[in-house]
Amino acid sequence: MQKILSNVSFILGLLLSYSAFASQPNNLYVFGDSFSDNGNLATLFQYDFLNYPPYDHGFSNGPRAVEVLATQLTLPLKPHYKLDGNLGSPYVPGTNYAFAGARAYDTRLPPRSPNLNEQVGLFLQTVYGVADPKALYIVFIGGNDLRDARDAASEASAQNLINMAVDAIESNVRTLLKAGAKAIMVVNSGDLGGIPETRTMAVSKHQPSLIKRSTELTRKFNEELAESVQEIRRELHADHLVVFDFFGFSRFVTQEYLALGFTDNQHACFSSVTFTFYAGCNNGLNFDQFVYFDETHPSARTNERIGRAFYAVIPELTR
């Protein structure tokens, strides 16, 4: 009964958080990683396979959650790094700066995915330093930082990675606000302990405690992120800055998967490591029955639910 009440409260919270826009946003800008990348990484020759089934120009078999949100808002969401149209046609900058493999904080030398600071920097360069106050901004990053923390050699190193990731997100949200952005949704991290990748690692390394530890690292990251966002709200009077609880939503979907129409919440339908289908996925014909597309990413059907949940909690634009 306690679990049922908790889940009901969560869904009610989403519904009650809904606020209709005082005015329709005129654009949607996205910063993040593979959870939101709809073609940026796929532009690179060595990742051209992402443009062919079962991939959909990124790590899912269909639109990602931010694309579902864009559809709900009737706004375009093109990858920024991809040429628009045929070779030689004029370049039209896209509004999705998310890049698969990106970290919030990443000081490794290129070649690597643009980190959050670089994504926001490129955006500001494109808009000449002025963020449109009538646009909606999504910052959805940190999962790869958390995976690094999970794999770190010590707890001190793991905590340091979390701290740096949260600091990077805070810094860039402040930058967007100071540049003129008003409505910003920061998405926290889903449960790292619940994804197929972590469960497989726990078995292969004979470390069953890895699952619980990964969940605890996720909680630490999300708690620090929530405190950081609250501080930004207070200091900058950012009334239209919100946090979407992806952790809570992802756990709800995983726990209530049967009621939501899924039949498998444990396995990846497709492996982005071996490039093979899980037997129960029937070569992709059963994608809609799986919560997970691959070892770390949601299936298109799961993304559709996440995107609709995004729409229910997006911040109201100022009048």
Protein backbone atom coordinates (compact mmCIF):
# COMPACT_ATOMS: atom_id res chain seq x y z
CA MET A 1 0.00 0.00 0.00
CA GLN A 2 2.85 2.38 0.84
CA LYS A 3 4.41 1.83 -2.60
CA ILE A 4 1.08 2.42 -4.36
CA LEU A 5 0.47 5.64 -2.45
CA SER A 6 4.00 6.81 -3.23
CA ASN A 7 3.53 6.20 -6.94
CA VAL A 8 0.13 7.89 -6.98
CA SER A 9 1.63 10.88 -5.18
CA PHE A 10 4.38 11.07 -7.77
CA ILE A 11 1.97 11.16 -10.70
CA LEU A 12 -0.29 13.64 -8.92
CA GLY A 13 2.77 15.78 -8.36
CA LEU A 14 3.43 15.85 -12.09
CA LEU A 15 -0.15 16.79 -12.86
CA LEU A 16 -0.33 19.47 -10.21
CA SER A 17 2.98 20.93 -11.37
CA TYR A 18 1.55 21.61 -14.80
CA SER A 19 1.26 25.26 -15.68
CA ALA A 20 -0.01 26.42 -19.06
CA PHE A 21 2.28 28.87 -20.78
CA ALA A 22 1.38 32.49 -20.38
CA SER A 23 2.80 32.68 -23.89
CA GLN A 24 3.96 30.00 -26.30
CA PRO A 25 7.77 29.62 -26.33
CA ASN A 26 9.15 30.60 -29.70
CA ASN A 27 12.10 28.21 -29.60
CA LEU A 28 13.56 25.23 -27.76
CA TYR A 29 17.25 24.94 -26.96
CA VAL A 30 18.71 21.70 -25.60
CA PHE A 31 22.07 20.99 -23.95
CA GLY A 32 23.05 17.48 -22.95
CA ASP A 33 24.30 14.05 -23.93
CA SER A 34 23.07 10.93 -25.74
CA PHE A 35 19.69 11.04 -24.00
CA SER A 36 18.91 14.11 -26.13
CA ASP A 37 21.26 13.94 -29.13
CA ASN A 38 19.10 13.49 -32.26
CA GLY A 39 21.86 13.63 -34.86
CA ASN A 40 24.95 15.54 -33.72
CA LEU A 41 27.20 12.52 -33.10
CA ALA A 42 25.69 10.77 -36.11
CA THR A 43 27.15 13.53 -38.31
CA LEU A 44 30.63 12.06 -37.74
CA PHE A 45 31.65 9.47 -40.29
CA GLN A 46 32.70 6.86 -37.74
CA TYR A 47 29.24 7.02 -36.14
CA ASP A 48 27.26 6.92 -39.37
CA PHE A 49 25.73 3.63 -38.20
CA LEU A 50 23.49 5.71 -35.92
CA ASN A 51 21.59 6.83 -39.01
CA TYR A 52 20.37 3.30 -39.74
CA PRO A 53 17.97 0.95 -37.90
CA PRO A 54 17.65 0.03 -35.16
CA TYR A 55 19.08 3.47 -34.36
CA ASP A 56 17.21 6.68 -35.13
CA HIS A 57 20.05 9.20 -35.65
CA GLY A 58 21.06 8.58 -32.04
CA PHE A 59 20.85 6.10 -29.20
CA SER A 60 17.20 5.08 -29.40
CA ASN A 61 14.88 3.43 -31.89
CA GLY A 62 12.75 6.57 -32.20
CA PRO A 63 12.39 10.17 -31.00
CA ARG A 64 14.09 11.09 -27.74
CA ALA A 65 12.20 12.73 -24.88
CA VAL A 66 13.22 16.27 -25.90
CA GLU A 67 11.91 15.59 -29.40
CA VAL A 68 8.59 14.45 -27.95
CA LEU A 69 8.51 17.69 -25.96
CA ALA A 70 9.28 19.71 -29.10
CA THR A 71 6.39 18.02 -30.89
CA GLN A 72 4.07 18.86 -27.99
CA LEU A 73 5.17 22.49 -28.27
CA THR A 74 5.02 22.42 -32.10
CA LEU A 75 8.63 23.62 -32.23
CA PRO A 76 11.49 22.36 -34.41
CA LEU A 77 14.47 20.65 -32.81
CA LYS A 78 17.29 20.10 -35.27
CA PRO A 79 20.82 18.99 -34.34
CA HIS A 80 23.11 22.00 -34.33
CA TYR A 81 26.16 20.30 -35.80
CA LYS A 82 24.43 18.80 -38.83
CA LEU A 83 24.23 20.43 -42.24
CA ASP A 84 20.68 21.25 -43.22
CA GLY A 85 19.65 19.67 -46.54
CA ASN A 86 22.00 18.40 -49.23
CA LEU A 87 25.73 18.93 -49.37
CA GLY A 88 26.47 22.49 -50.38
CA SER A 89 23.17 23.91 -49.14
CA PRO A 90 23.23 26.86 -46.73
CA TYR A 91 23.96 25.97 -43.11
CA VAL A 92 20.98 26.53 -40.84
CA PRO A 93 21.99 26.34 -37.17
CA GLY A 94 19.97 23.84 -35.19
CA THR A 95 18.86 24.38 -31.60
CA ASN A 96 19.88 20.99 -30.16
CA TYR A 97 23.44 21.18 -28.86
CA ALA A 98 23.31 17.84 -27.01
CA PHE A 99 26.11 15.51 -28.03
CA ALA A 100 26.29 11.81 -27.23
CA GLY A 101 29.14 11.01 -24.87
CA ALA A 102 29.19 14.51 -23.39
CA ARG A 103 29.99 15.19 -19.75
CA ALA A 104 28.96 18.20 -17.74
CA TYR A 105 32.62 18.52 -16.72
CA ASP A 106 35.28 17.11 -19.03
CA THR A 107 38.82 18.39 -19.42
CA ARG A 108 40.12 15.56 -21.60
CA LEU A 109 41.80 16.65 -24.80
CA PRO A 110 39.90 16.29 -28.09
CA PRO A 111 38.73 14.28 -29.85
CA ARG A 112 35.86 14.01 -27.42
CA SER A 113 32.27 15.15 -27.21
CA PRO A 114 31.73 18.84 -26.38
CA ASN A 115 31.19 19.27 -22.66
CA LEU A 116 28.39 21.42 -21.27
CA ASN A 117 30.52 24.55 -21.07
CA GLU A 118 31.47 24.15 -24.72
CA GLN A 119 27.88 23.52 -25.79
CA VAL A 120 26.64 26.63 -24.01
CA GLY A 121 29.61 28.61 -25.32
CA LEU A 122 28.80 27.62 -28.91
CA PHE A 123 25.15 28.54 -28.36
CA LEU A 124 26.07 31.99 -27.07
CA GLN A 125 28.45 32.46 -29.97
CA THR A 126 25.66 31.55 -32.40
CA VAL A 127 23.17 33.99 -30.81
CA TYR A 128 25.79 36.73 -30.31
CA GLY A 129 25.68 36.44 -26.53
CA VAL A 130 21.97 37.13 -26.11
CA ALA A 131 19.65 34.31 -24.99
CA ASP A 132 16.06 34.76 -26.12
CA PRO A 133 13.86 35.31 -23.01
CA LYS A 134 10.87 33.85 -24.86
CA ALA A 135 12.56 30.50 -25.55
CA LEU A 136 12.58 27.35 -23.42
CA TYR A 137 15.96 25.89 -22.38
CA ILE A 138 16.60 22.27 -21.36
CA VAL A 139 19.78 21.21 -19.54
CA PHE A 140 19.84 17.41 -19.39
CA ILE A 141 23.33 16.13 -18.61
CA GLY A 142 25.32 14.34 -15.93
CA GLY A 143 24.70 10.67 -16.69
CA ASN A 144 28.16 10.12 -18.16
CA ASP A 145 29.77 11.96 -15.25
CA LEU A 146 27.93 9.58 -12.94
CA ARG A 147 29.09 6.54 -14.92
CA ASP A 148 32.65 7.84 -14.49
CA ALA A 149 31.99 8.17 -10.75
CA ARG A 150 30.62 4.63 -10.62
CA ASP A 151 33.81 3.35 -12.25
CA ALA A 152 36.19 5.52 -10.20
CA ALA A 153 38.97 3.88 -8.20
CA SER A 154 37.94 5.44 -4.89
CA GLU A 155 34.96 7.02 -3.18
CA ALA A 156 36.89 10.29 -2.93
CA SER A 157 37.42 10.31 -6.70
CA ALA A 158 33.76 9.48 -7.29
CA GLN A 159 32.62 12.33 -5.04
CA ASN A 160 35.00 14.73 -6.76
CA LEU A 161 33.55 13.83 -10.16
CA ILE A 162 30.04 14.46 -8.85
CA ASN A 163 31.05 17.80 -7.35
CA MET A 164 32.67 18.98 -10.58
CA ALA A 165 29.67 17.91 -12.67
CA VAL A 166 27.21 19.77 -10.44
CA ASP A 167 29.46 22.84 -10.39
CA ALA A 168 29.59 22.80 -14.20
CA ILE A 169 25.80 22.59 -14.48
CA GLU A 170 25.34 25.40 -11.96
CA SER A 171 27.87 27.61 -13.74
CA ASN A 172 26.25 27.16 -17.13
CA VAL A 173 22.70 27.65 -15.87
CA ARG A 174 23.86 30.91 -14.33
CA THR A 175 25.47 31.84 -17.65
CA LEU A 176 22.24 31.22 -19.54
CA LEU A 177 20.21 33.25 -17.06
CA LYS A 178 22.63 36.16 -17.14
CA ALA A 179 22.54 36.07 -20.95
CA GLY A 180 18.77 36.58 -20.84
CA ALA A 181 17.20 33.12 -20.58
CA LYS A 182 14.09 32.94 -18.39
CA ALA A 183 12.47 29.51 -18.59
CA ILE A 184 14.98 26.74 -17.90
CA MET A 185 14.33 23.11 -17.00
CA VAL A 186 17.23 21.20 -15.48
CA VAL A 187 16.78 17.43 -15.61
CA ASN A 188 18.41 15.39 -12.86
CA SER A 189 19.84 11.91 -13.38
CA GLY A 190 17.91 8.67 -13.67
CA ASP A 191 18.82 5.79 -11.36
CA LEU A 192 22.25 4.57 -12.50
CA GLY A 193 21.74 1.44 -10.43
CA GLY A 194 18.69 0.47 -12.44
CA ILE A 195 20.10 0.42 -15.97
CA PRO A 196 21.07 -2.87 -17.68
CA GLU A 197 24.72 -1.77 -17.96
CA THR A 198 25.17 -1.51 -14.20
CA ARG A 199 23.34 -4.77 -13.51
CA THR A 200 25.53 -6.58 -16.06
CA MET A 201 28.68 -5.11 -14.53
CA ALA A 202 27.59 -6.19 -11.06
CA VAL A 203 27.27 -9.78 -12.27
CA SER A 204 30.44 -9.88 -14.37
CA LYS A 205 32.55 -8.31 -11.60
CA HIS A 206 30.87 -10.37 -8.85
CA GLN A 207 29.99 -7.11 -7.10
CA PRO A 208 26.26 -7.19 -6.29
CA SER A 209 26.78 -4.12 -4.11
CA LEU A 210 27.56 -2.09 -7.25
CA ILE A 211 23.86 -1.67 -7.95
CA LYS A 212 23.12 -0.11 -4.55
CA ARG A 213 26.29 1.99 -4.69
CA SER A 214 25.34 3.34 -8.14
CA THR A 215 21.91 4.32 -6.86
CA GLU A 216 23.47 6.08 -3.88
CA LEU A 217 25.87 7.99 -6.17
CA THR A 218 22.86 9.07 -8.22
CA ARG A 219 21.09 10.29 -5.10
CA LYS A 220 24.16 12.30 -4.08
CA PHE A 221 24.39 13.91 -7.49
CA ASN A 222 20.70 14.77 -7.55
CA GLU A 223 20.72 16.16 -4.01
CA GLU A 224 23.66 18.42 -4.78
CA LEU A 225 22.04 19.49 -8.04
CA ALA A 226 18.76 20.35 -6.29
CA GLU A 227 20.61 22.44 -3.70
CA SER A 228 22.55 24.16 -6.45
CA VAL A 229 19.41 25.06 -8.40
CA GLN A 230 17.74 26.33 -5.25
CA GLU A 231 20.72 28.61 -4.62
CA ILE A 232 20.52 29.97 -8.16
CA ARG A 233 16.80 30.68 -7.72
CA ARG A 234 17.47 32.60 -4.53
CA GLU A 235 20.45 34.61 -5.75
CA LEU A 236 19.22 35.46 -9.25
CA HIS A 237 15.47 35.50 -8.51
CA ALA A 238 15.09 32.84 -11.20
CA ASP A 239 11.40 32.09 -10.68
CA HIS A 240 11.12 30.11 -13.92
CA LEU A 241 13.96 27.68 -13.23
CA VAL A 242 12.72 24.16 -12.43
CA VAL A 243 14.16 20.69 -11.87
CA PHE A 244 12.55 17.68 -13.49
CA ASP A 245 12.81 14.60 -11.27
CA PHE A 246 13.98 12.08 -13.85
CA PHE A 247 15.21 9.87 -11.01
CA GLY A 248 11.71 9.53 -9.59
CA PHE A 249 10.09 9.15 -13.00
CA SER A 250 12.53 6.51 -14.23
CA ARG A 251 12.09 4.47 -11.06
CA PHE A 252 8.31 4.76 -11.41
CA VAL A 253 8.43 3.44 -14.99
CA THR A 254 10.79 0.63 -14.00
CA GLN A 255 8.70 -0.44 -11.02
CA GLU A 256 5.29 -0.10 -12.67
CA TYR A 257 6.35 -1.34 -16.10
CA LEU A 258 3.61 -3.96 -16.40
CA ALA A 259 0.84 -1.46 -15.69
CA LEU A 260 2.40 0.88 -18.25
CA GLY A 261 2.28 -1.75 -20.98
CA PHE A 262 5.87 -3.01 -20.94
CA THR A 263 6.87 -6.64 -20.43
CA ASP A 264 10.62 -6.25 -19.76
CA ASN A 265 12.29 -3.76 -17.43
CA GLN A 266 15.58 -5.62 -17.03
CA HIS A 267 17.11 -6.25 -20.43
CA ALA A 268 18.26 -4.07 -23.31
CA CYS A 269 16.35 -4.89 -26.47
CA PHE A 270 19.51 -4.16 -28.47
CA SER A 271 23.16 -4.10 -27.41
CA SER A 272 25.23 -1.10 -28.46
CA VAL A 273 28.28 -3.10 -27.32
CA THR A 274 27.81 -6.29 -29.35
CA PHE A 275 25.34 -4.88 -31.92
CA THR A 276 23.01 -7.81 -31.38
CA PHE A 277 19.37 -8.10 -30.29
CA TYR A 278 18.27 -9.69 -27.05
CA ALA A 279 16.42 -12.91 -27.88
CA GLY A 280 13.14 -11.73 -26.35
CA CYS A 281 13.16 -8.59 -28.51
CA ASN A 282 12.59 -10.61 -31.67
CA ASN A 283 15.05 -8.61 -33.81
CA GLY A 284 13.43 -5.34 -32.81
CA LEU A 285 9.84 -6.30 -33.48
CA ASN A 286 9.16 -6.18 -29.72
CA PHE A 287 10.87 -2.84 -29.02
CA ASP A 288 7.67 -1.37 -27.56
CA GLN A 289 7.65 -4.04 -24.85
CA PHE A 290 11.08 -2.99 -23.52
CA VAL A 291 11.79 -0.13 -21.15
CA TYR A 292 15.39 -0.02 -22.40
CA PHE A 293 16.60 0.38 -25.97
CA ASP A 294 20.18 -0.59 -25.12
CA GLU A 295 22.39 -0.90 -22.04
CA THR A 296 21.92 2.71 -20.95
CA HIS A 297 19.18 4.39 -23.00
CA PRO A 298 15.37 4.29 -22.95
CA SER A 299 13.39 2.83 -25.81
CA ALA A 300 11.32 5.13 -28.01
CA ARG A 301 8.17 4.17 -26.13
CA THR A 302 9.79 5.03 -22.82
CA ASN A 303 11.08 8.29 -24.27
CA GLU A 304 7.55 9.13 -25.38
CA ARG A 305 6.38 8.89 -21.76
CA ILE A 306 9.34 10.92 -20.50
CA GLY A 307 8.71 13.63 -23.07
CA ARG A 308 5.07 13.94 -22.08
CA ALA A 309 6.15 14.19 -18.45
CA PHE A 310 8.55 16.98 -19.45
CA TYR A 311 5.64 18.84 -21.00
CA ALA A 312 3.67 18.56 -17.77
CA VAL A 313 6.29 20.35 -15.68
CA ILE A 314 7.95 22.86 -18.01
CA PRO A 315 8.25 26.30 -16.46
CA GLU A 316 5.84 29.06 -17.34
CA LEU A 317 7.21 31.82 -19.51
CA THR A 318 7.06 35.32 -18.10
CA ARG A 319 4.22 37.49 -19.30
